[in-house]
């Protein structure tokens, strides 16, 4: 299990709150990982709005694209370090990315400029 105080660290792209990552073995080998966040009511509302906005954009086609890309990224050592699921959602839902190749191009183009 790991703990991070994001009230202090305030890592860009992460919620403001307390984080626990619980690992049930080696996640790179396919074992599960659970994230638990303790956040303020205001931060919780913001996160719910973010999730709702994503949910409203999902279609069977975009879900398939997201899952296809995620299935090819989850073992990448840079996944969760230099890019995250949020980047995959943004790439597919906002930039019309549809494959792992176009996602890699997206990362080179958009993640370097942020």
N, C-alpha and C. Protein backbone atom coordinates (compact mmCIF):
# COMPACT_ATOMS: atom_id res chain seq x y z
N UNK A 1 0.85 -1.17 0.00
CA UNK A 1 0.00 0.00 0.00
C UNK A 1 0.89 1.23 0.00
N UNK A 2 0.47 2.26 -0.72
CA UNK A 2 1.21 3.52 -0.70
C UNK A 2 0.26 4.65 -0.29
N UNK A 3 0.85 5.70 0.26
CA UNK A 3 0.08 6.86 0.71
C UNK A 3 0.73 8.12 0.17
N UNK A 4 -0.10 9.07 -0.23
CA UNK A 4 0.40 10.38 -0.67
C UNK A 4 -0.53 11.46 -0.14
N UNK A 5 0.05 12.51 0.41
CA UNK A 5 -0.73 13.64 0.89
C UNK A 5 -0.75 14.69 -0.21
N UNK A 6 -1.79 14.66 -1.02
CA UNK A 6 -1.92 15.61 -2.12
C UNK A 6 -2.50 16.94 -1.67
N UNK A 7 -2.77 17.07 -0.39
CA UNK A 7 -3.10 18.39 0.17
C UNK A 7 -1.82 19.24 0.18
N UNK A 8 -0.70 18.57 0.39
CA UNK A 8 0.60 19.25 0.43
C UNK A 8 1.29 19.19 -0.93
N UNK A 9 1.37 17.99 -1.51
CA UNK A 9 2.13 17.82 -2.76
C UNK A 9 1.49 18.57 -3.93
N UNK A 10 0.16 18.54 -4.02
CA UNK A 10 -0.59 19.21 -5.09
C UNK A 10 -0.02 18.90 -6.47
N UNK A 11 0.12 17.61 -6.77
CA UNK A 11 0.61 17.15 -8.07
C UNK A 11 -0.37 17.54 -9.16
N UNK A 12 0.14 18.14 -10.21
CA UNK A 12 -0.70 18.57 -11.34
C UNK A 12 -1.48 17.38 -11.89
N UNK A 13 -2.77 17.58 -12.08
CA UNK A 13 -3.62 16.54 -12.65
C UNK A 13 -4.23 15.60 -11.64
N UNK A 14 -3.83 15.70 -10.37
CA UNK A 14 -4.39 14.83 -9.34
C UNK A 14 -5.34 15.63 -8.45
N UNK A 15 -6.32 14.95 -7.85
CA UNK A 15 -7.21 15.63 -6.91
C UNK A 15 -6.45 16.17 -5.71
N UNK A 16 -7.04 17.14 -5.05
CA UNK A 16 -6.49 17.66 -3.81
C UNK A 16 -7.10 16.85 -2.68
N UNK A 17 -6.27 16.06 -2.01
CA UNK A 17 -6.78 15.22 -0.93
C UNK A 17 -5.74 14.23 -0.49
N UNK A 18 -6.20 13.22 0.23
CA UNK A 18 -5.32 12.16 0.73
C UNK A 18 -5.54 10.92 -0.14
N UNK A 19 -4.46 10.28 -0.54
CA UNK A 19 -4.52 9.16 -1.47
C UNK A 19 -3.88 7.91 -0.89
N UNK A 20 -4.57 6.80 -1.05
CA UNK A 20 -4.02 5.49 -0.72
C UNK A 20 -4.12 4.62 -1.98
N UNK A 21 -3.02 4.03 -2.38
CA UNK A 21 -3.01 3.07 -3.48
C UNK A 21 -2.79 1.69 -2.89
N UNK A 22 -3.74 0.80 -3.10
CA UNK A 22 -3.66 -0.54 -2.53
C UNK A 22 -3.41 -1.53 -3.67
N UNK A 23 -2.31 -2.24 -3.56
CA UNK A 23 -1.88 -3.19 -4.60
C UNK A 23 -2.13 -4.61 -4.14
N UNK A 24 -2.72 -5.42 -5.00
CA UNK A 24 -3.00 -6.82 -4.71
C UNK A 24 -2.04 -7.69 -5.51
N UNK A 25 -0.77 -7.39 -5.43
CA UNK A 25 0.25 -8.08 -6.21
C UNK A 25 0.88 -7.11 -7.19
N UNK A 26 1.42 -7.64 -8.26
CA UNK A 26 2.11 -6.83 -9.27
C UNK A 26 1.11 -6.36 -10.32
N UNK A 27 0.79 -5.07 -10.32
CA UNK A 27 -0.19 -4.57 -11.28
C UNK A 27 0.28 -4.71 -12.72
N UNK A 28 1.60 -4.69 -12.94
CA UNK A 28 2.14 -4.85 -14.31
C UNK A 28 1.99 -6.29 -14.81
N UNK A 29 1.70 -7.20 -13.89
CA UNK A 29 1.46 -8.60 -14.28
C UNK A 29 -0.04 -8.90 -14.33
N UNK A 30 -0.87 -7.86 -14.18
CA UNK A 30 -2.31 -8.05 -14.29
C UNK A 30 -3.05 -8.09 -12.97
N UNK A 31 -2.33 -7.96 -11.84
CA UNK A 31 -3.01 -7.95 -10.55
C UNK A 31 -3.72 -6.62 -10.35
N UNK A 32 -4.70 -6.62 -9.49
CA UNK A 32 -5.53 -5.43 -9.26
C UNK A 32 -4.84 -4.39 -8.40
N UNK A 33 -5.30 -3.14 -8.60
CA UNK A 33 -4.88 -2.00 -7.79
C UNK A 33 -6.14 -1.20 -7.52
N UNK A 34 -6.29 -0.74 -6.30
CA UNK A 34 -7.44 0.07 -5.91
C UNK A 34 -6.93 1.41 -5.41
N UNK A 35 -7.54 2.49 -5.91
CA UNK A 35 -7.22 3.84 -5.44
C UNK A 35 -8.32 4.31 -4.50
N UNK A 36 -7.92 4.85 -3.37
CA UNK A 36 -8.87 5.43 -2.41
C UNK A 36 -8.45 6.87 -2.17
N UNK A 37 -9.40 7.78 -2.34
CA UNK A 37 -9.15 9.20 -2.11
C UNK A 37 -10.07 9.71 -1.00
N UNK A 38 -9.53 10.53 -0.13
CA UNK A 38 -10.31 11.29 0.84
C UNK A 38 -10.18 12.75 0.41
N UNK A 39 -11.31 13.34 -0.01
CA UNK A 39 -11.31 14.70 -0.53
C UNK A 39 -12.41 15.52 0.13
N UNK A 40 -12.32 16.82 0.00
CA UNK A 40 -13.35 17.71 0.55
C UNK A 40 -14.62 17.59 -0.28
N UNK A 41 -15.71 18.09 0.25
CA UNK A 41 -16.99 18.08 -0.47
C UNK A 41 -16.88 18.86 -1.78
N UNK A 42 -16.16 19.97 -1.76
CA UNK A 42 -15.99 20.77 -2.97
C UNK A 42 -15.20 20.00 -4.02
N UNK A 43 -14.12 19.35 -3.61
CA UNK A 43 -13.31 18.57 -4.54
C UNK A 43 -14.11 17.37 -5.06
N UNK A 44 -14.90 16.77 -4.21
CA UNK A 44 -15.74 15.64 -4.61
C UNK A 44 -16.73 16.08 -5.70
N UNK A 45 -17.37 17.23 -5.52
CA UNK A 45 -18.30 17.75 -6.53
C UNK A 45 -17.58 18.00 -7.86
N UNK A 46 -16.36 18.55 -7.79
CA UNK A 46 -15.59 18.81 -9.01
C UNK A 46 -15.28 17.50 -9.73
N UNK A 47 -14.88 16.49 -8.99
CA UNK A 47 -14.55 15.19 -9.58
C UNK A 47 -15.78 14.51 -10.17
N UNK A 48 -16.92 14.64 -9.49
CA UNK A 48 -18.16 14.07 -10.02
C UNK A 48 -18.54 14.78 -11.32
N UNK A 49 -18.37 16.09 -11.39
CA UNK A 49 -18.65 16.83 -12.62
C UNK A 49 -17.74 16.36 -13.76
N UNK A 50 -16.46 16.13 -13.44
CA UNK A 50 -15.50 15.63 -14.43
C UNK A 50 -15.95 14.27 -14.96
N UNK A 51 -16.30 13.36 -14.05
CA UNK A 51 -16.73 12.02 -14.45
C UNK A 51 -18.03 12.06 -15.26
N UNK A 52 -18.96 12.93 -14.86
CA UNK A 52 -20.21 13.07 -15.59
C UNK A 52 -19.98 13.59 -17.00
N UNK A 53 -19.06 14.55 -17.14
CA UNK A 53 -18.74 15.08 -18.48
C UNK A 53 -18.17 13.99 -19.37
N UNK A 54 -17.31 13.14 -18.81
CA UNK A 54 -16.77 12.01 -19.58
C UNK A 54 -17.89 11.05 -19.96
N UNK A 55 -18.72 10.70 -18.99
CA UNK A 55 -19.80 9.74 -19.22
C UNK A 55 -20.73 10.20 -20.34
N UNK A 56 -21.00 11.49 -20.40
CA UNK A 56 -21.90 12.02 -21.42
C UNK A 56 -21.32 11.92 -22.82
N UNK A 57 -20.01 11.83 -22.93
CA UNK A 57 -19.35 11.76 -24.24
C UNK A 57 -19.12 10.32 -24.71
N UNK A 58 -19.30 9.37 -23.81
CA UNK A 58 -19.02 7.98 -24.16
C UNK A 58 -20.09 7.40 -25.08
N UNK A 59 -19.63 6.67 -26.07
CA UNK A 59 -20.48 5.91 -26.98
C UNK A 59 -19.88 4.51 -27.05
N UNK A 60 -20.61 3.56 -27.59
CA UNK A 60 -19.99 2.23 -27.75
C UNK A 60 -18.68 2.31 -28.55
N UNK A 61 -18.62 3.17 -29.54
CA UNK A 61 -17.39 3.30 -30.34
C UNK A 61 -16.24 3.89 -29.53
N UNK A 62 -16.50 4.97 -28.77
CA UNK A 62 -15.41 5.57 -27.99
C UNK A 62 -14.98 4.66 -26.85
N UNK A 63 -15.92 3.94 -26.26
CA UNK A 63 -15.56 2.98 -25.21
C UNK A 63 -14.62 1.93 -25.77
N UNK A 64 -14.93 1.42 -26.94
CA UNK A 64 -14.08 0.42 -27.59
C UNK A 64 -12.68 0.96 -27.85
N UNK A 65 -12.59 2.20 -28.32
CA UNK A 65 -11.29 2.82 -28.58
C UNK A 65 -10.49 2.98 -27.28
N UNK A 66 -11.15 3.46 -26.25
CA UNK A 66 -10.49 3.67 -24.95
C UNK A 66 -9.96 2.34 -24.41
N UNK A 67 -10.81 1.31 -24.41
CA UNK A 67 -10.39 0.02 -23.89
C UNK A 67 -9.28 -0.60 -24.72
N UNK A 68 -9.33 -0.41 -26.02
CA UNK A 68 -8.26 -0.92 -26.89
C UNK A 68 -6.92 -0.26 -26.55
N UNK A 69 -6.93 1.06 -26.41
CA UNK A 69 -5.69 1.78 -26.07
C UNK A 69 -5.22 1.39 -24.67
N UNK A 70 -6.14 1.36 -23.71
CA UNK A 70 -5.74 1.00 -22.34
C UNK A 70 -5.16 -0.41 -22.28
N UNK A 71 -5.72 -1.33 -23.07
CA UNK A 71 -5.23 -2.72 -23.04
C UNK A 71 -3.79 -2.81 -23.55
N UNK A 72 -3.36 -1.81 -24.32
CA UNK A 72 -2.00 -1.80 -24.85
C UNK A 72 -1.06 -0.93 -24.02
N UNK A 73 -1.61 -0.19 -23.06
CA UNK A 73 -0.79 0.72 -22.24
C UNK A 73 -0.53 0.24 -20.83
N UNK A 74 -1.38 -0.60 -20.28
CA UNK A 74 -1.34 -0.87 -18.84
C UNK A 74 -0.03 -1.49 -18.36
N UNK A 75 0.73 -2.12 -19.24
CA UNK A 75 2.02 -2.68 -18.81
C UNK A 75 3.19 -1.74 -19.10
N UNK A 76 2.93 -0.63 -19.74
CA UNK A 76 3.98 0.35 -20.05
C UNK A 76 4.47 0.97 -18.74
N UNK A 77 5.78 0.93 -18.47
CA UNK A 77 6.31 1.53 -17.23
C UNK A 77 5.99 3.02 -17.10
N UNK A 78 5.74 3.70 -18.20
CA UNK A 78 5.42 5.14 -18.14
C UNK A 78 3.96 5.41 -17.83
N UNK A 79 3.11 4.37 -17.95
CA UNK A 79 1.70 4.53 -17.63
C UNK A 79 1.57 4.81 -16.13
N UNK A 80 0.86 5.85 -15.80
CA UNK A 80 0.68 6.38 -14.45
C UNK A 80 1.88 7.19 -13.97
N UNK A 81 2.95 7.25 -14.75
CA UNK A 81 4.09 8.11 -14.40
C UNK A 81 4.08 9.36 -15.27
N UNK A 82 4.12 9.17 -16.59
CA UNK A 82 4.15 10.34 -17.48
C UNK A 82 2.82 10.55 -18.19
N UNK A 83 1.93 9.57 -18.13
CA UNK A 83 0.58 9.76 -18.66
C UNK A 83 -0.37 8.84 -17.89
N UNK A 84 -1.66 9.15 -17.99
CA UNK A 84 -2.64 8.43 -17.19
C UNK A 84 -3.88 8.10 -18.02
N UNK A 85 -4.83 7.47 -17.37
CA UNK A 85 -6.11 7.19 -18.02
C UNK A 85 -6.79 8.47 -18.49
N UNK A 86 -6.63 9.54 -17.72
CA UNK A 86 -7.23 10.82 -18.11
C UNK A 86 -6.71 11.26 -19.48
N UNK A 87 -5.43 10.99 -19.75
CA UNK A 87 -4.88 11.33 -21.06
C UNK A 87 -5.52 10.49 -22.16
N UNK A 88 -5.80 9.23 -21.87
CA UNK A 88 -6.46 8.37 -22.86
C UNK A 88 -7.86 8.88 -23.14
N UNK A 89 -8.61 9.21 -22.07
CA UNK A 89 -9.97 9.75 -22.27
C UNK A 89 -9.93 11.03 -23.07
N UNK A 90 -9.02 11.94 -22.73
CA UNK A 90 -8.92 13.20 -23.44
C UNK A 90 -8.56 12.97 -24.91
N UNK A 91 -7.60 12.09 -25.16
CA UNK A 91 -7.16 11.81 -26.53
C UNK A 91 -8.32 11.29 -27.38
N UNK A 92 -9.07 10.35 -26.85
CA UNK A 92 -10.17 9.75 -27.62
C UNK A 92 -11.36 10.69 -27.72
N UNK A 93 -11.77 11.27 -26.58
CA UNK A 93 -13.00 12.05 -26.55
C UNK A 93 -12.85 13.48 -27.07
N UNK A 94 -11.65 14.04 -26.96
CA UNK A 94 -11.46 15.44 -27.38
C UNK A 94 -10.64 15.58 -28.67
N UNK A 95 -9.74 14.64 -28.91
CA UNK A 95 -8.83 14.78 -30.06
C UNK A 95 -9.07 13.70 -31.12
N UNK A 96 -10.11 12.89 -30.92
CA UNK A 96 -10.51 11.87 -31.90
C UNK A 96 -9.42 10.83 -32.18
N UNK A 97 -8.61 10.53 -31.18
CA UNK A 97 -7.59 9.49 -31.31
C UNK A 97 -8.31 8.14 -31.34
N UNK A 98 -7.82 7.24 -32.19
CA UNK A 98 -8.54 5.97 -32.34
C UNK A 98 -7.67 4.73 -32.28
N UNK A 99 -6.37 4.89 -32.10
CA UNK A 99 -5.48 3.72 -32.08
C UNK A 99 -4.30 3.99 -31.16
N UNK A 100 -3.55 2.94 -30.86
CA UNK A 100 -2.37 3.10 -30.02
C UNK A 100 -1.33 3.98 -30.72
N UNK A 101 -1.23 3.84 -32.03
CA UNK A 101 -0.27 4.65 -32.78
C UNK A 101 -0.63 6.14 -32.70
N UNK A 102 -1.90 6.45 -32.91
CA UNK A 102 -2.30 7.86 -32.83
C UNK A 102 -2.25 8.37 -31.39
N UNK A 103 -2.41 7.48 -30.40
CA UNK A 103 -2.28 7.90 -29.00
C UNK A 103 -0.84 8.25 -28.69
N UNK A 104 0.11 7.45 -29.18
CA UNK A 104 1.52 7.77 -28.96
C UNK A 104 1.87 9.12 -29.58
N UNK A 105 1.33 9.39 -30.75
CA UNK A 105 1.55 10.70 -31.40
C UNK A 105 0.92 11.81 -30.56
N UNK A 106 -0.27 11.56 -30.05
CA UNK A 106 -0.94 12.52 -29.16
C UNK A 106 -0.05 12.84 -27.96
N UNK A 107 0.53 11.82 -27.34
CA UNK A 107 1.39 12.05 -26.17
C UNK A 107 2.58 12.93 -26.53
N UNK A 108 3.20 12.67 -27.64
CA UNK A 108 4.35 13.46 -28.08
C UNK A 108 3.95 14.90 -28.37
N UNK A 109 2.78 15.08 -28.94
CA UNK A 109 2.32 16.41 -29.34
C UNK A 109 1.76 17.22 -28.17
N UNK A 110 0.87 16.62 -27.39
CA UNK A 110 0.14 17.36 -26.37
C UNK A 110 0.78 17.34 -24.99
N UNK A 111 1.38 16.23 -24.60
CA UNK A 111 1.94 16.15 -23.25
C UNK A 111 3.21 17.00 -23.11
N UNK A 112 3.95 17.22 -24.19
CA UNK A 112 5.15 18.04 -24.12
C UNK A 112 4.83 19.52 -23.96
N UNK A 113 3.64 19.94 -24.43
CA UNK A 113 3.30 21.36 -24.40
C UNK A 113 2.60 21.76 -23.11
N UNK A 114 2.19 20.78 -22.31
CA UNK A 114 1.46 21.13 -21.07
C UNK A 114 2.42 21.54 -19.97
